[in-house]
């Protein structure tokens, strides 16, 4: 009786080992599939958000134009004293708003 019980338990353990092996294999395949989908979505996002595409969409759909240097407004607060001295020495005047 002990020998038969031992043989049944060995067979049962081998079957469980094989079943768990298949489960691990299935999960490994699912994991690889999810990683590949994630990689594909990251690449698609990178393509969609690249600066050249965004700029062309902005110009075509929203009729936006490129910014020109004379359109940029610099808003600055009062400068620290050492920075004011440096600006005065360099000879460049900045307009403050």
C-alpha atoms as a PDB file:
ATOM      1  CA  UNK A   1       0.000   0.000   0.000  1.00  0.00           C
ATOM      2  CA  UNK A   2       2.853   2.362   0.864  1.00  0.00           C
ATOM      3  CA  UNK A   3       4.574   1.650  -2.447  1.00  0.00           C
ATOM      4  CA  UNK A   4       1.394   2.334  -4.437  1.00  0.00           C
ATOM      5  CA  UNK A   5       0.788   5.578  -2.517  1.00  0.00           C
ATOM      6  CA  UNK A   6       4.382   6.642  -3.153  1.00  0.00           C
ATOM      7  CA  UNK A   7       4.081   5.926  -6.892  1.00  0.00           C
ATOM      8  CA  UNK A   8       0.780   7.843  -7.141  1.00  0.00           C
ATOM      9  CA  UNK A   9       2.291  10.819  -5.342  1.00  0.00           C
ATOM     10  CA  UNK A  10       5.331  10.781  -7.678  1.00  0.00           C
ATOM     11  CA  UNK A  11       3.050  10.733 -10.732  1.00  0.00           C
ATOM     12  CA  UNK A  12       0.910  13.483  -9.233  1.00  0.00           C
ATOM     13  CA  UNK A  13       3.979  15.659  -8.536  1.00  0.00           C
ATOM     14  CA  UNK A  14       5.277  15.159 -12.074  1.00  0.00           C
ATOM     15  CA  UNK A  15       1.903  16.149 -13.506  1.00  0.00           C
ATOM     16  CA  UNK A  16       1.800  19.254 -11.296  1.00  0.00           C
ATOM     17  CA  UNK A  17       5.339  20.170 -12.341  1.00  0.00           C
ATOM     18  CA  UNK A  18       4.381  19.895 -16.005  1.00  0.00           C
ATOM     19  CA  UNK A  19       1.154  21.909 -15.458  1.00  0.00           C
ATOM     20  CA  UNK A  20       3.056  24.674 -13.661  1.00  0.00           C
ATOM     21  CA  UNK A  21       5.666  24.651 -16.442  1.00  0.00           C
ATOM     22  CA  UNK A  22       2.951  25.243 -19.029  1.00  0.00           C
ATOM     23  CA  UNK A  23       1.492  28.037 -16.904  1.00  0.00           C
ATOM     24  CA  UNK A  24       4.891  29.715 -16.694  1.00  0.00           C
ATOM     25  CA  UNK A  25       5.349  29.351 -20.446  1.00  0.00           C
ATOM     26  CA  UNK A  26       1.930  30.920 -21.102  1.00  0.00           C
ATOM     27  CA  UNK A  27       2.671  33.824 -18.744  1.00  0.00           C
ATOM     28  CA  UNK A  28       6.072  34.353 -20.359  1.00  0.00           C
ATOM     29  CA  UNK A  29       4.457  34.591 -23.794  1.00  0.00           C
ATOM     30  CA  UNK A  30       1.846  37.042 -22.488  1.00  0.00           C
ATOM     31  CA  UNK A  31       4.585  39.132 -20.881  1.00  0.00           C
ATOM     32  CA  UNK A  32       6.558  39.299 -24.139  1.00  0.00           C
ATOM     33  CA  UNK A  33       3.384  40.245 -26.023  1.00  0.00           C
ATOM     34  CA  UNK A  34       2.599  43.058 -23.571  1.00  0.00           C
ATOM     35  CA  UNK A  35       6.169  44.355 -23.753  1.00  0.00           C
ATOM     36  CA  UNK A  36       6.002  44.372 -27.553  1.00  0.00           C
ATOM     37  CA  UNK A  37       2.673  46.250 -27.492  1.00  0.00           C
ATOM     38  CA  UNK A  38       4.130  48.780 -25.061  1.00  0.00           C
ATOM     39  CA  UNK A  39       7.163  49.282 -27.302  1.00  0.00           C
ATOM     40  CA  UNK A  40       4.928  49.751 -30.360  1.00  0.00           C
ATOM     41  CA  UNK A  41       2.791  52.315 -28.525  1.00  0.00           C
ATOM     42  CA  UNK A  42       5.872  54.224 -27.355  1.00  0.00           C
ATOM     43  CA  UNK A  43       7.142  54.363 -30.938  1.00  0.00           C
ATOM     44  CA  UNK A  44       3.737  55.542 -32.174  1.00  0.00           C
ATOM     45  CA  UNK A  45       3.656  58.233 -29.489  1.00  0.00           C
ATOM     46  CA  UNK A  46       7.145  59.384 -30.423  1.00  0.00           C
ATOM     47  CA  UNK A  47       6.130  59.625 -34.081  1.00  0.00           C
ATOM     48  CA  UNK A  48       2.957  61.561 -33.277  1.00  0.00           C
ATOM     49  CA  UNK A  49       4.620  64.056 -30.956  1.00  0.00           C
ATOM     50  CA  UNK A  50       7.741  64.799 -32.956  1.00  0.00           C
ATOM     51  CA  UNK A  51       8.257  68.558 -33.319  1.00  0.00           C
ATOM     52  CA  UNK A  52       8.149  68.659 -37.140  1.00  0.00           C
ATOM     53  CA  UNK A  53       4.752  66.943 -37.252  1.00  0.00           C
ATOM     54  CA  UNK A  54       3.311  69.159 -34.536  1.00  0.00           C
ATOM     55  CA  UNK A  55       4.566  72.245 -36.323  1.00  0.00           C
ATOM     56  CA  UNK A  56       3.083  71.191 -39.663  1.00  0.00           C
ATOM     57  CA  UNK A  57      -0.271  70.356 -38.027  1.00  0.00           C
ATOM     58  CA  UNK A  58      -0.278  73.711 -36.264  1.00  0.00           C
ATOM     59  CA  UNK A  59       0.405  75.525 -39.524  1.00  0.00           C
ATOM     60  CA  UNK A  60      -2.082  73.568 -41.642  1.00  0.00           C
ATOM     61  CA  UNK A  61      -5.034  72.958 -39.329  1.00  0.00           C
ATOM     62  CA  UNK A  62      -4.783  75.910 -36.979  1.00  0.00           C
ATOM     63  CA  UNK A  63      -3.133  78.395 -39.373  1.00  0.00           C
ATOM     64  CA  UNK A  64      -0.432  79.226 -36.872  1.00  0.00           C
ATOM     65  CA  UNK A  65       2.780  80.848 -38.052  1.00  0.00           C
ATOM     66  CA  UNK A  66       6.315  80.569 -36.781  1.00  0.00           C
ATOM     67  CA  UNK A  67       7.239  83.049 -34.108  1.00  0.00           C
ATOM     68  CA  UNK A  68       9.526  85.860 -35.182  1.00  0.00           C
ATOM     69  CA  UNK A  69      12.129  87.567 -33.026  1.00  0.00           C
ATOM     70  CA  UNK A  70      10.235  90.864 -32.861  1.00  0.00           C
ATOM     71  CA  UNK A  71       7.137  89.084 -31.491  1.00  0.00           C
ATOM     72  CA  UNK A  72       8.839  87.807 -28.346  1.00  0.00           C
ATOM     73  CA  UNK A  73       8.215  89.880 -25.238  1.00  0.00           C
ATOM     74  CA  UNK A  74      10.596  89.471 -22.330  1.00  0.00           C
ATOM     75  CA  UNK A  75       8.979  90.086 -18.974  1.00  0.00           C
ATOM     76  CA  UNK A  76      11.518  90.521 -16.219  1.00  0.00           C
ATOM     77  CA  UNK A  77      11.311  91.837 -12.719  1.00  0.00           C
ATOM     78  CA  UNK A  78      13.853  94.104 -11.101  1.00  0.00           C
ATOM     79  CA  UNK A  79      17.367  92.781 -11.580  1.00  0.00           C
ATOM     80  CA  UNK A  80      19.710  92.123  -8.649  1.00  0.00           C
ATOM     81  CA  UNK A  81      22.393  94.799  -8.196  1.00  0.00           C
ATOM     82  CA  UNK A  82      25.344  92.693  -9.373  1.00  0.00           C
ATOM     83  CA  UNK A  83      23.412  91.690 -12.490  1.00  0.00           C
ATOM     84  CA  UNK A  84      22.497  95.340 -13.191  1.00  0.00           C
ATOM     85  CA  UNK A  85      26.198  96.244 -12.978  1.00  0.00           C
ATOM     86  CA  UNK A  86      27.082  93.435 -15.384  1.00  0.00           C
ATOM     87  CA  UNK A  87      24.417  94.585 -17.850  1.00  0.00           C
ATOM     88  CA  UNK A  88      25.615  98.178 -17.564  1.00  0.00           C
ATOM     89  CA  UNK A  89      29.219  97.099 -18.227  1.00  0.00           C
ATOM     90  CA  UNK A  90      28.306  95.057 -21.284  1.00  0.00           C
ATOM     91  CA  UNK A  91      26.584  98.091 -22.801  1.00  0.00           C
ATOM     92  CA  UNK A  92      23.335  96.348 -23.674  1.00  0.00           C
ATOM     93  CA  UNK A  93      20.103  97.998 -22.648  1.00  0.00           C
ATOM     94  CA  UNK A  94      17.058  95.924 -21.930  1.00  0.00           C
ATOM     95  CA  UNK A  95      13.549  97.220 -21.882  1.00  0.00           C
ATOM     96  CA  UNK A  96      11.532  96.211 -18.845  1.00  0.00           C
ATOM     97  CA  UNK A  97       7.791  96.010 -18.874  1.00  0.00           C
END
